[in-house]
């Protein structure tokens, strides 16, 4: 209904992919919960941090950057009290699971 109304007021060329995506939001909310669970902005915000990592290994840049990122998150969690709660949204809980060492 929204796209039909929009295209009757404006040309079909004015419809963008994001406008089409809005049509699917109600179904996505029912299937996946709040839309923040499918939001990419947090991942896009990591780009600046990841670009700041230096690497001398050009055989596997992705591996080098991912290891540096994992180490920085481990350091952050180990050295700042109360930091682990900031990785969760309000009301989210971590239950169950088990720990494993990185070299296992």
PDB file of N, CA and C in Angstrom:
ATOM      1  N   UNK A   1       0.828  -1.188   0.000  1.00  0.00           N
ATOM      2  CA  UNK A   1       0.000   0.000   0.000  1.00  0.00           C
ATOM      3  C   UNK A   1       0.871   1.249   0.000  1.00  0.00           C
ATOM      4  N   UNK A   2       1.955   1.243   0.792  1.00  0.00           N
ATOM      5  CA  UNK A   2       2.828   2.414   0.849  1.00  0.00           C
ATOM      6  C   UNK A   2       3.479   2.678  -0.503  1.00  0.00           C
ATOM      7  N   UNK A   3       4.046   1.623  -1.119  1.00  0.00           N
ATOM      8  CA  UNK A   3       4.727   1.821  -2.394  1.00  0.00           C
ATOM      9  C   UNK A   3       3.756   2.228  -3.495  1.00  0.00           C
ATOM     10  N   UNK A   4       2.551   1.688  -3.455  1.00  0.00           N
ATOM     11  CA  UNK A   4       1.544   2.078  -4.451  1.00  0.00           C
ATOM     12  C   UNK A   4       1.189   3.543  -4.306  1.00  0.00           C
ATOM     13  N   UNK A   5       0.981   3.999  -3.072  1.00  0.00           N
ATOM     14  CA  UNK A   5       0.666   5.415  -2.837  1.00  0.00           C
ATOM     15  C   UNK A   5       1.834   6.296  -3.243  1.00  0.00           C
ATOM     16  N   UNK A   6       3.041   5.869  -2.922  1.00  0.00           N
ATOM     17  CA  UNK A   6       4.220   6.665  -3.239  1.00  0.00           C
ATOM     18  C   UNK A   6       4.406   6.784  -4.746  1.00  0.00           C
ATOM     19  N   UNK A   7       4.267   5.653  -5.465  1.00  0.00           N
ATOM     20  CA  UNK A   7       4.469   5.687  -6.915  1.00  0.00           C
ATOM     21  C   UNK A   7       3.347   6.434  -7.625  1.00  0.00           C
ATOM     22  N   UNK A   8       2.167   6.537  -7.002  1.00  0.00           N
ATOM     23  CA  UNK A   8       1.108   7.332  -7.635  1.00  0.00           C
ATOM     24  C   UNK A   8       1.407   8.827  -7.495  1.00  0.00           C
ATOM     25  N   UNK A   9       2.121   9.211  -6.432  1.00  0.00           N
ATOM     26  CA  UNK A   9       2.481  10.622  -6.244  1.00  0.00           C
ATOM     27  C   UNK A   9       3.776  10.990  -6.963  1.00  0.00           C
ATOM     28  N   UNK A  10       4.710  10.055  -6.997  1.00  0.00           N
ATOM     29  CA  UNK A  10       6.010  10.288  -7.612  1.00  0.00           C
ATOM     30  C   UNK A  10       6.237   9.222  -8.667  1.00  0.00           C
ATOM     31  N   UNK A  11       7.331   9.300  -9.374  1.00  0.00           N
ATOM     32  CA  UNK A  11       7.596   8.294 -10.405  1.00  0.00           C
ATOM     33  C   UNK A  11       8.144   7.020  -9.771  1.00  0.00           C
ATOM     34  N   UNK A  12       8.061   5.946 -10.508  1.00  0.00           N
ATOM     35  CA  UNK A  12       8.585   4.660 -10.042  1.00  0.00           C
ATOM     36  C   UNK A  12      10.091   4.735  -9.856  1.00  0.00           C
ATOM     37  N   UNK A  13      10.744   5.617 -10.601  1.00  0.00           N
ATOM     38  CA  UNK A  13      12.196   5.787 -10.478  1.00  0.00           C
ATOM     39  C   UNK A  13      12.600   6.351  -9.115  1.00  0.00           C
ATOM     40  N   UNK A  14      11.659   6.951  -8.392  1.00  0.00           N
ATOM     41  CA  UNK A  14      11.965   7.543  -7.087  1.00  0.00           C
ATOM     42  C   UNK A  14      12.020   6.502  -5.972  1.00  0.00           C
ATOM     43  N   UNK A  15      11.550   5.298  -6.229  1.00  0.00           N
ATOM     44  CA  UNK A  15      11.559   4.239  -5.221  1.00  0.00           C
ATOM     45  C   UNK A  15      12.987   3.726  -5.063  1.00  0.00           C
ATOM     46  N   UNK A  16      13.454   3.684  -3.822  1.00  0.00           N
ATOM     47  CA  UNK A  16      14.813   3.211  -3.540  1.00  0.00           C
ATOM     48  C   UNK A  16      14.751   1.817  -2.922  1.00  0.00           C
ATOM     49  N   UNK A  17      15.867   1.091  -2.930  1.00  0.00           N
ATOM     50  CA  UNK A  17      15.873  -0.226  -2.288  1.00  0.00           C
ATOM     51  C   UNK A  17      15.479  -0.164  -0.803  1.00  0.00           C
ATOM     52  N   UNK A  18      15.873   0.905  -0.107  1.00  0.00           N
ATOM     53  CA  UNK A  18      15.508   1.009   1.305  1.00  0.00           C
ATOM     54  C   UNK A  18      14.000   1.156   1.471  1.00  0.00           C
ATOM     55  N   UNK A  19      13.355   1.831   0.537  1.00  0.00           N
ATOM     56  CA  UNK A  19      11.902   1.965   0.611  1.00  0.00           C
ATOM     57  C   UNK A  19      11.243   0.609   0.410  1.00  0.00           C
ATOM     58  N   UNK A  20      11.782  -0.175  -0.473  1.00  0.00           N
ATOM     59  CA  UNK A  20      11.256  -1.525  -0.672  1.00  0.00           C
ATOM     60  C   UNK A  20      11.461  -2.360   0.602  1.00  0.00           C
ATOM     61  N   UNK A  21      12.616  -2.186   1.244  1.00  0.00           N
ATOM     62  CA  UNK A  21      12.902  -2.937   2.473  1.00  0.00           C
ATOM     63  C   UNK A  21      11.868  -2.645   3.548  1.00  0.00           C
ATOM     64  N   UNK A  22      11.364  -1.416   3.606  1.00  0.00           N
ATOM     65  CA  UNK A  22      10.372  -1.039   4.616  1.00  0.00           C
ATOM     66  C   UNK A  22       9.109  -1.900   4.515  1.00  0.00           C
ATOM     67  N   UNK A  23       8.806  -2.368   3.327  1.00  0.00           N
ATOM     68  CA  UNK A  23       7.627  -3.214   3.132  1.00  0.00           C
ATOM     69  C   UNK A  23       7.768  -4.511   3.941  1.00  0.00           C
ATOM     70  N   UNK A  24       8.998  -4.967   4.111  1.00  0.00           N
ATOM     71  CA  UNK A  24       9.245  -6.238   4.788  1.00  0.00           C
ATOM     72  C   UNK A  24       9.429  -6.103   6.297  1.00  0.00           C
ATOM     73  N   UNK A  25       9.490  -4.895   6.834  1.00  0.00           N
ATOM     74  CA  UNK A  25       9.727  -4.704   8.271  1.00  0.00           C
ATOM     75  C   UNK A  25       8.702  -5.402   9.162  1.00  0.00           C
ATOM     76  N   UNK A  26       7.409  -5.313   8.903  1.00  0.00           N
ATOM     77  CA  UNK A  26       6.457  -5.994   9.796  1.00  0.00           C
ATOM     78  C   UNK A  26       6.707  -7.508   9.891  1.00  0.00           C
ATOM     79  N   UNK A  27       6.965  -8.139   8.767  1.00  0.00           N
ATOM     80  CA  UNK A  27       7.247  -9.582   8.771  1.00  0.00           C
ATOM     81  C   UNK A  27       8.551  -9.876   9.512  1.00  0.00           C
ATOM     82  N   UNK A  28       9.571  -9.027   9.314  1.00  0.00           N
ATOM     83  CA  UNK A  28      10.852  -9.244   9.989  1.00  0.00           C
ATOM     84  C   UNK A  28      10.725  -9.084  11.496  1.00  0.00           C
ATOM     85  N   UNK A  29       9.915  -8.139  11.948  1.00  0.00           N
ATOM     86  CA  UNK A  29       9.707  -7.958  13.381  1.00  0.00           C
ATOM     87  C   UNK A  29       9.061  -9.209  13.965  1.00  0.00           C
ATOM     88  N   UNK A  30       8.102  -9.780  13.265  1.00  0.00           N
ATOM     89  CA  UNK A  30       7.446 -10.995  13.753  1.00  0.00           C
ATOM     90  C   UNK A  30       8.398 -12.192  13.765  1.00  0.00           C
ATOM     91  N   UNK A  31       9.255 -12.283  12.754  1.00  0.00           N
ATOM     92  CA  UNK A  31      10.157 -13.431  12.648  1.00  0.00           C
ATOM     93  C   UNK A  31      11.389 -13.324  13.541  1.00  0.00           C
ATOM     94  N   UNK A  32      11.981 -12.107  13.640  1.00  0.00           N
ATOM     95  CA  UNK A  32      13.280 -11.959  14.299  1.00  0.00           C
ATOM     96  C   UNK A  32      13.258 -11.088  15.549  1.00  0.00           C
ATOM     97  N   UNK A  33      12.113 -10.530  15.890  1.00  0.00           N
ATOM     98  CA  UNK A  33      12.064  -9.649  17.057  1.00  0.00           C
ATOM     99  C   UNK A  33      12.418  -8.224  16.679  1.00  0.00           C
ATOM    100  N   UNK A  34      12.831  -7.425  17.661  1.00  0.00           N
ATOM    101  CA  UNK A  34      13.133  -6.019  17.385  1.00  0.00           C
ATOM    102  C   UNK A  34      14.140  -5.859  16.242  1.00  0.00           C
ATOM    103  N   UNK A  35      13.957  -4.818  15.454  1.00  0.00           N
ATOM    104  CA  UNK A  35      14.809  -4.628  14.284  1.00  0.00           C
ATOM    105  C   UNK A  35      16.262  -4.364  14.658  1.00  0.00           C
ATOM    106  N   UNK A  36      16.520  -3.982  15.904  1.00  0.00           N
ATOM    107  CA  UNK A  36      17.913  -3.779  16.318  1.00  0.00           C
ATOM    108  C   UNK A  36      18.701  -5.078  16.233  1.00  0.00           C
ATOM    109  N   UNK A  37      17.994  -6.217  16.235  1.00  0.00           N
ATOM    110  CA  UNK A  37      18.672  -7.505  16.100  1.00  0.00           C
ATOM    111  C   UNK A  37      19.197  -7.737  14.686  1.00  0.00           C
ATOM    112  N   UNK A  38      18.717  -6.975  13.716  1.00  0.00           N
ATOM    113  CA  UNK A  38      19.174  -7.130  12.332  1.00  0.00           C
ATOM    114  C   UNK A  38      19.878  -5.879  11.829  1.00  0.00           C
ATOM    115  N   UNK A  39      20.215  -4.969  12.721  1.00  0.00           N
ATOM    116  CA  UNK A  39      20.813  -3.687  12.370  1.00  0.00           C
ATOM    117  C   UNK A  39      22.285  -3.857  12.045  1.00  0.00           C
ATOM    118  N   UNK A  40      22.762  -3.246  10.994  1.00  0.00           N
ATOM    119  CA  UNK A  40      24.164  -3.371  10.585  1.00  0.00           C
ATOM    120  C   UNK A  40      25.041  -2.229  11.081  1.00  0.00           C
ATOM    121  N   UNK A  41      24.458  -1.193  11.660  1.00  0.00           N
ATOM    122  CA  UNK A  41      25.231  -0.015  12.019  1.00  0.00           C
ATOM    123  C   UNK A  41      26.372  -0.339  12.978  1.00  0.00           C
ATOM    124  N   UNK A  42      26.169  -1.217  13.946  1.00  0.00           N
ATOM    125  CA  UNK A  42      27.235  -1.560  14.877  1.00  0.00           C
ATOM    126  C   UNK A  42      28.418  -2.171  14.137  1.00  0.00           C
ATOM    127  N   UNK A  43      28.139  -3.003  13.145  1.00  0.00           N
ATOM    128  CA  UNK A  43      29.210  -3.632  12.386  1.00  0.00           C
ATOM    129  C   UNK A  43      29.922  -2.605  11.519  1.00  0.00           C
ATOM    130  N   UNK A  44      29.171  -1.687  10.940  1.00  0.00           N
ATOM    131  CA  UNK A  44      29.770  -0.646  10.123  1.00  0.00           C
ATOM    132  C   UNK A  44      30.615   0.292  10.979  1.00  0.00           C
ATOM    133  N   UNK A  45      30.215   0.476  12.239  1.00  0.00           N
ATOM    134  CA  UNK A  45      30.979   1.321  13.145  1.00  0.00           C
ATOM    135  C   UNK A  45      32.331   0.723  13.497  1.00  0.00           C
ATOM    136  N   UNK A  46      32.469  -0.577  13.333  1.00  0.00           N
ATOM    137  CA  UNK A  46      33.748  -1.251  13.620  1.00  0.00           C
ATOM    138  C   UNK A  46      34.793  -0.984  12.543  1.00  0.00           C
ATOM    139  N   UNK A  47      34.366  -0.543  11.364  1.00  0.00           N
ATOM    140  CA  UNK A  47      35.307  -0.358  10.263  1.00  0.00           C
ATOM    141  C   UNK A  47      36.461   0.560  10.629  1.00  0.00           C
ATOM    142  N   UNK A  48      36.173   1.664  11.317  1.00  0.00           N
ATOM    143  CA  UNK A  48      37.230   2.609  11.691  1.00  0.00           C
ATOM    144  C   UNK A  48      38.256   1.931  12.597  1.00  0.00           C
ATOM    145  N   UNK A  49      37.758   1.165  13.567  1.00  0.00           N
ATOM    146  CA  UNK A  49      38.663   0.464  14.474  1.00  0.00           C
ATOM    147  C   UNK A  49      39.492  -0.574  13.719  1.00  0.00           C
ATOM    148  N   UNK A  50      38.864  -1.345  12.859  1.00  0.00           N
ATOM    149  CA  UNK A  50      39.579  -2.393  12.134  1.00  0.00           C
ATOM    150  C   UNK A  50      40.607  -1.815  11.172  1.00  0.00           C
ATOM    151  N   UNK A  51      40.292  -0.679  10.558  1.00  0.00           N
ATOM    152  CA  UNK A  51      41.242  -0.047   9.647  1.00  0.00           C
ATOM    153  C   UNK A  51      42.459   0.491  10.390  1.00  0.00           C
ATOM    154  N   UNK A  52      42.307   0.740  11.686  1.00  0.00           N
ATOM    155  CA  UNK A  52      43.409   1.257  12.483  1.00  0.00           C
ATOM    156  C   UNK A  52      44.427   0.198  12.883  1.00  0.00           C
ATOM    157  N   UNK A  53      44.102  -1.067  12.733  1.00  0.00           N
ATOM    158  CA  UNK A  53      45.046  -2.134  13.077  1.00  0.00           C
ATOM    159  C   UNK A  53      46.145  -2.192  12.027  1.00  0.00           C
ATOM    160  N   UNK A  54      47.355  -2.409  12.482  1.00  0.00           N
ATOM    161  CA  UNK A  54      48.477  -2.552  11.549  1.00  0.00           C
ATOM    162  C   UNK A  54      48.826  -4.019  11.437  1.00  0.00           C
ATOM    163  N   UNK A  55      49.289  -4.402  10.291  1.00  0.00           N
ATOM    164  CA  UNK A  55      49.660  -5.796  10.078  1.00  0.00           C
ATOM    165  C   UNK A  55      50.902  -5.872   9.200  1.00  0.00           C
ATOM    166  N   UNK A  56      51.743  -6.832   9.494  1.00  0.00           N
ATOM    167  CA  UNK A  56      52.927  -7.094   8.677  1.00  0.00           C
ATOM    168  C   UNK A  56      52.755  -8.362   7.861  1.00  0.00           C
ATOM    169  N   UNK A  57      51.640  -9.043   8.074  1.00  0.00           N
ATOM    170  CA  UNK A  57      51.370 -10.292   7.375  1.00  0.00           C
ATOM    171  C   UNK A  57      50.363 -10.008   6.257  1.00  0.00           C
ATOM    172  N   UNK A  58      50.821 -10.122   5.021  1.00  0.00           N
ATOM    173  CA  UNK A  58      49.934  -9.840   3.894  1.00  0.00           C
ATOM    174  C   UNK A  58      49.412 -11.113   3.234  1.00  0.00           C
ATOM    175  N   UNK A  59      49.751 -12.272   3.812  1.00  0.00           N
ATOM    176  CA  UNK A  59      49.211 -13.532   3.286  1.00  0.00           C
ATOM    177  C   UNK A  59      47.747 -13.680   3.674  1.00  0.00           C
ATOM    178  N   UNK A  60      47.420 -13.290   4.919  1.00  0.00           N
ATOM    179  CA  UNK A  60      46.038 -13.390   5.383  1.00  0.00           C
ATOM    180  C   UNK A  60      45.721 -12.162   6.238  1.00  0.00           C
ATOM    181  N   UNK A  61      45.407 -11.084   5.580  1.00  0.00           N
ATOM    182  CA  UNK A  61      45.111  -9.837   6.280  1.00  0.00           C
ATOM    183  C   UNK A  61      43.870 -10.005   7.150  1.00  0.00           C
ATOM    184  N   UNK A  62      42.865 -10.708   6.645  1.00  0.00           N
ATOM    185  CA  UNK A  62      41.632 -10.906   7.415  1.00  0.00           C
ATOM    186  C   UNK A  62      41.913 -11.648   8.716  1.00  0.00           C
ATOM    187  N   UNK A  63      42.764 -12.662   8.666  1.00  0.00           N
ATOM    188  CA  UNK A  63      43.109 -13.413   9.867  1.00  0.00           C
ATOM    189  C   UNK A  63      43.869 -12.526  10.857  1.00  0.00           C
ATOM    190  N   UNK A  64      44.829 -11.754  10.357  1.00  0.00           N
ATOM    191  CA  UNK A  64      45.610 -10.878  11.229  1.00  0.00           C
ATOM    192  C   UNK A  64      44.723  -9.852  11.922  1.00  0.00           C
ATOM    193  N   UNK A  65      43.824  -9.240  11.168  1.00  0.00           N
ATOM    194  CA  UNK A  65      42.933  -8.230  11.741  1.00  0.00           C
ATOM    195  C   UNK A  65      41.968  -8.864  12.733  1.00  0.00           C
ATOM    196  N   UNK A  66      41.444 -10.036  12.419  1.00  0.00           N
ATOM    197  CA  UNK A  66      40.495 -10.680  13.341  1.00  0.00           C
ATOM    198  C   UNK A  66      41.178 -11.097  14.644  1.00  0.00           C
ATOM    199  N   UNK A  67      42.422 -11.554  14.576  1.00  0.00           N
ATOM    200  CA  UNK A  67      43.154 -11.912  15.797  1.00  0.00           C
ATOM    201  C   UNK A  67      43.400 -10.666  16.635  1.00  0.00           C
ATOM    202  N   UNK A  68      43.823  -9.572  16.004  1.00  0.00           N
ATOM    203  CA  UNK A  68      44.052  -8.325  16.746  1.00  0.00           C
ATOM    204  C   UNK A  68      42.760  -7.838  17.393  1.00  0.00           C
ATOM    205  N   UNK A  69      41.658  -7.974  16.687  1.00  0.00           N
ATOM    206  CA  UNK A  69      40.373  -7.534  17.236  1.00  0.00           C
ATOM    207  C   UNK A  69      39.967  -8.400  18.430  1.00  0.00           C
ATOM    208  N   UNK A  70      40.113  -9.707  18.312  1.00  0.00           N
ATOM    209  CA  UNK A  70      39.784 -10.602  19.415  1.00  0.00           C
ATOM    210  C   UNK A  70      40.642 -10.298  20.636  1.00  0.00           C
ATOM    211  N   UNK A  71      41.913 -10.042  20.425  1.00  0.00           N
ATOM    212  CA  UNK A  71      42.795  -9.721  21.542  1.00  0.00           C
ATOM    213  C   UNK A  71      42.406  -8.402  22.196  1.00  0.00           C
ATOM    214  N   UNK A  72      42.004  -7.414  21.393  1.00  0.00           N
ATOM    215  CA  UNK A  72      41.611  -6.125  21.976  1.00  0.00           C
ATOM    216  C   UNK A  72      40.325  -6.259  22.783  1.00  0.00           C
ATOM    217  N   UNK A  73      39.383  -7.069  22.335  1.00  0.00           N
ATOM    218  CA  UNK A  73      38.149  -7.297  23.092  1.00  0.00           C
ATOM    219  C   UNK A  73      38.452  -8.063  24.382  1.00  0.00           C
ATOM    220  N   UNK A  74      39.332  -9.058  24.314  1.00  0.00           N
ATOM    221  CA  UNK A  74      39.717  -9.801  25.520  1.00  0.00           C
ATOM    222  C   UNK A  74      40.373  -8.866  26.526  1.00  0.00           C
ATOM    223  N   UNK A  75      41.253  -7.997  26.049  1.00  0.00           N
ATOM    224  CA  UNK A  75      41.915  -7.044  26.944  1.00  0.00           C
ATOM    225  C   UNK A  75      40.889  -6.114  27.579  1.00  0.00           C
ATOM    226  N   UNK A  76      39.963  -5.636  26.774  1.00  0.00           N
ATOM    227  CA  UNK A  76      38.922  -4.741  27.273  1.00  0.00           C
ATOM    228  C   UNK A  76      38.089  -5.420  28.357  1.00  0.00           C
ATOM    229  N   UNK A  77      37.681  -6.648  28.114  1.00  0.00           N
ATOM    230  CA  UNK A  77      36.863  -7.373  29.088  1.00  0.00           C
ATOM    231  C   UNK A  77      37.644  -7.711  30.361  1.00  0.00           C
ATOM    232  N   UNK A  78      38.939  -7.943  30.221  1.00  0.00           N
ATOM    233  CA  UNK A  78      39.738  -8.347  31.371  1.00  0.00           C
ATOM    234  C   UNK A  78      40.175  -7.174  32.245  1.00  0.00           C
ATOM    235  N   UNK A  79      40.281  -5.993  31.668  1.00  0.00           N
ATOM    236  CA  UNK A  79      40.868  -4.883  32.419  1.00  0.00           C
ATOM    237  C   UNK A  79      39.875  -3.843  32.909  1.00  0.00           C
ATOM    238  N   UNK A  80      38.706  -3.782  32.351  1.00  0.00           N
ATOM    239  CA  UNK A  80      37.740  -2.768  32.772  1.00  0.00           C
ATOM    240  C   UNK A  80      36.592  -3.417  33.520  1.00  0.00           C
ATOM    241  N   UNK A  81      36.415  -3.066  34.775  1.00  0.00           N
ATOM    242  CA  UNK A  81      35.317  -3.671  35.547  1.00  0.00           C
ATOM    243  C   UNK A  81      33.957  -3.245  35.003  1.00  0.00           C
ATOM    244  N   UNK A  82      33.046  -4.192  34.930  1.00  0.00           N
ATOM    245  CA  UNK A  82      31.685  -3.903  34.466  1.00  0.00           C
ATOM    246  C   UNK A  82      31.555  -3.722  32.976  1.00  0.00           C
ATOM    247  N   UNK A  83      32.614  -4.001  32.209  1.00  0.00           N
ATOM    248  CA  UNK A  83      32.585  -3.781  30.770  1.00  0.00           C
ATOM    249  C   UNK A  83      31.709  -4.798  30.058  1.00  0.00           C
ATOM    250  N   UNK A  84      31.673  -6.027  30.543  1.00  0.00           N
ATOM    251  CA  UNK A  84      30.946  -7.077  29.827  1.00  0.00           C
ATOM    252  C   UNK A  84      29.470  -6.736  29.671  1.00  0.00           C
ATOM    253  N   UNK A  85      28.905  -5.983  30.616  1.00  0.00           N
ATOM    254  CA  UNK A  85      27.495  -5.657  30.506  1.00  0.00           C
ATOM    255  C   UNK A  85      27.225  -4.664  29.380  1.00  0.00           C
ATOM    256  N   UNK A  86      28.235  -3.894  28.966  1.00  0.00           N
ATOM    257  CA  UNK A  86      28.005  -2.914  27.912  1.00  0.00           C
ATOM    258  C   UNK A  86      27.931  -3.558  26.528  1.00  0.00           C
ATOM    259  N   UNK A  87      28.256  -4.835  26.419  1.00  0.00           N
ATOM    260  CA  UNK A  87      28.153  -5.517  25.140  1.00  0.00           C
ATOM    261  C   UNK A  87      26.737  -6.035  24.885  1.00  0.00           C
ATOM    262  N   UNK A  88      25.872  -5.917  25.891  1.00  0.00           N
ATOM    263  CA  UNK A  88      24.501  -6.396  25.777  1.00  0.00           C
ATOM    264  C   UNK A  88      23.539  -5.228  25.749  1.00  0.00           C
ATOM    265  N   UNK A  89      22.377  -5.440  25.146  1.00  0.00           N
ATOM    266  CA  UNK A  89      21.302  -4.462  25.213  1.00  0.00           C
ATOM    267  C   UNK A  89      20.590  -4.618  26.553  1.00  0.00           C
ATOM    268  N   UNK A  90      19.961  -3.554  27.001  1.00  0.00           N
ATOM    269  CA  UNK A  90      19.219  -3.627  28.262  1.00  0.00           C
ATOM    270  C   UNK A  90      18.159  -4.717  28.159  1.00  0.00           C
ATOM    271  N   UNK A  91      18.090  -5.579  29.145  1.00  0.00           N
ATOM    272  CA  UNK A  91      17.101  -6.652  29.155  1.00  0.00           C
ATOM    273  C   UNK A  91      17.596  -7.956  28.562  1.00  0.00           C
ATOM    274  N   UNK A  92      18.709  -7.928  27.802  1.00  0.00           N
ATOM    275  CA  UNK A  92      19.260  -9.163  27.250  1.00  0.00           C
ATOM    276  C   UNK A  92      20.025  -9.899  28.338  1.00  0.00           C
ATOM    277  N   UNK A  93      20.042 -11.217  28.259  1.00  0.00           N
ATOM    278  CA  UNK A  93      20.745 -12.027  29.245  1.00  0.00           C
ATOM    279  C   UNK A  93      21.632 -13.037  28.543  1.00  0.00           C
ATOM    280  N   UNK A  94      22.708 -13.396  29.199  1.00  0.00           N
ATOM    281  CA  UNK A  94      23.565 -14.473  28.717  1.00  0.00           C
ATOM    282  C   UNK A  94      23.359 -15.650  29.649  1.00  0.00           C
ATOM    283  N   UNK A  95      22.920 -16.775  29.096  1.00  0.00           N
ATOM    284  CA  UNK A  95      22.674 -17.958  29.929  1.00  0.00           C
ATOM    285  C   UNK A  95      23.334 -19.165  29.275  1.00  0.00           C
ATOM    286  N   UNK A  96      23.678 -20.125  30.095  1.00  0.00           N
ATOM    287  CA  UNK A  96      24.240 -21.367  29.584  1.00  0.00           C
ATOM    288  C   UNK A  96      25.589 -21.148  28.926  1.00  0.00           C
ATOM    289  N   UNK A  97      25.946 -22.034  28.033  1.00  0.00           N
ATOM    290  CA  UNK A  97      27.199 -21.926  27.313  1.00  0.00           C
ATOM    291  C   UNK A  97      28.358 -22.503  28.102  1.00  0.00           C
ATOM    292  N   UNK A  98      29.514 -22.498  27.496  1.00  0.00           N
ATOM    293  CA  UNK A  98      30.711 -22.990  28.160  1.00  0.00           C
ATOM    294  C   UNK A  98      31.904 -22.179  27.672  1.00  0.00           C
ATOM    295  N   UNK A  99      32.999 -22.230  28.413  1.00  0.00           N
ATOM    296  CA  UNK A  99      34.220 -21.524  28.035  1.00  0.00           C
ATOM    297  C   UNK A  99      35.157 -22.459  27.321  1.00  0.00           C
ATOM    298  N   UNK A 100      35.900 -21.917  26.382  1.00  0.00           N
ATOM    299  CA  UNK A 100      36.942 -22.706  25.731  1.00  0.00           C
ATOM    300  C   UNK A 100      38.137 -21.801  25.496  1.00  0.00           C
ATOM    301  N   UNK A 101      39.296 -22.368  25.499  1.00  0.00           N
ATOM    302  CA  UNK A 101      40.523 -21.617  25.245  1.00  0.00           C
ATOM    303  C   UNK A 101      40.689 -21.448  23.744  1.00  0.00           C
ATOM    304  N   UNK A 102      41.349 -20.380  23.322  1.00  0.00           N
ATOM    305  CA  UNK A 102      41.510 -20.105  21.903  1.00  0.00           C
ATOM    306  C   UNK A 102      42.359 -21.159  21.185  1.00  0.00           C
ATOM    307  N   UNK A 103      43.253 -21.811  21.895  1.00  0.00           N
ATOM    308  CA  UNK A 103      44.132 -22.772  21.262  1.00  0.00           C
ATOM    309  C   UNK A 103      43.570 -24.189  21.225  1.00  0.00           C
ATOM    310  N   UNK A 104      42.314 -24.374  21.620  1.00  0.00           N
ATOM    311  CA  UNK A 104      41.719 -25.716  21.614  1.00  0.00           C
ATOM    312  C   UNK A 104      41.234 -26.097  20.238  1.00  0.00           C
TER     313      UNK A 104
END
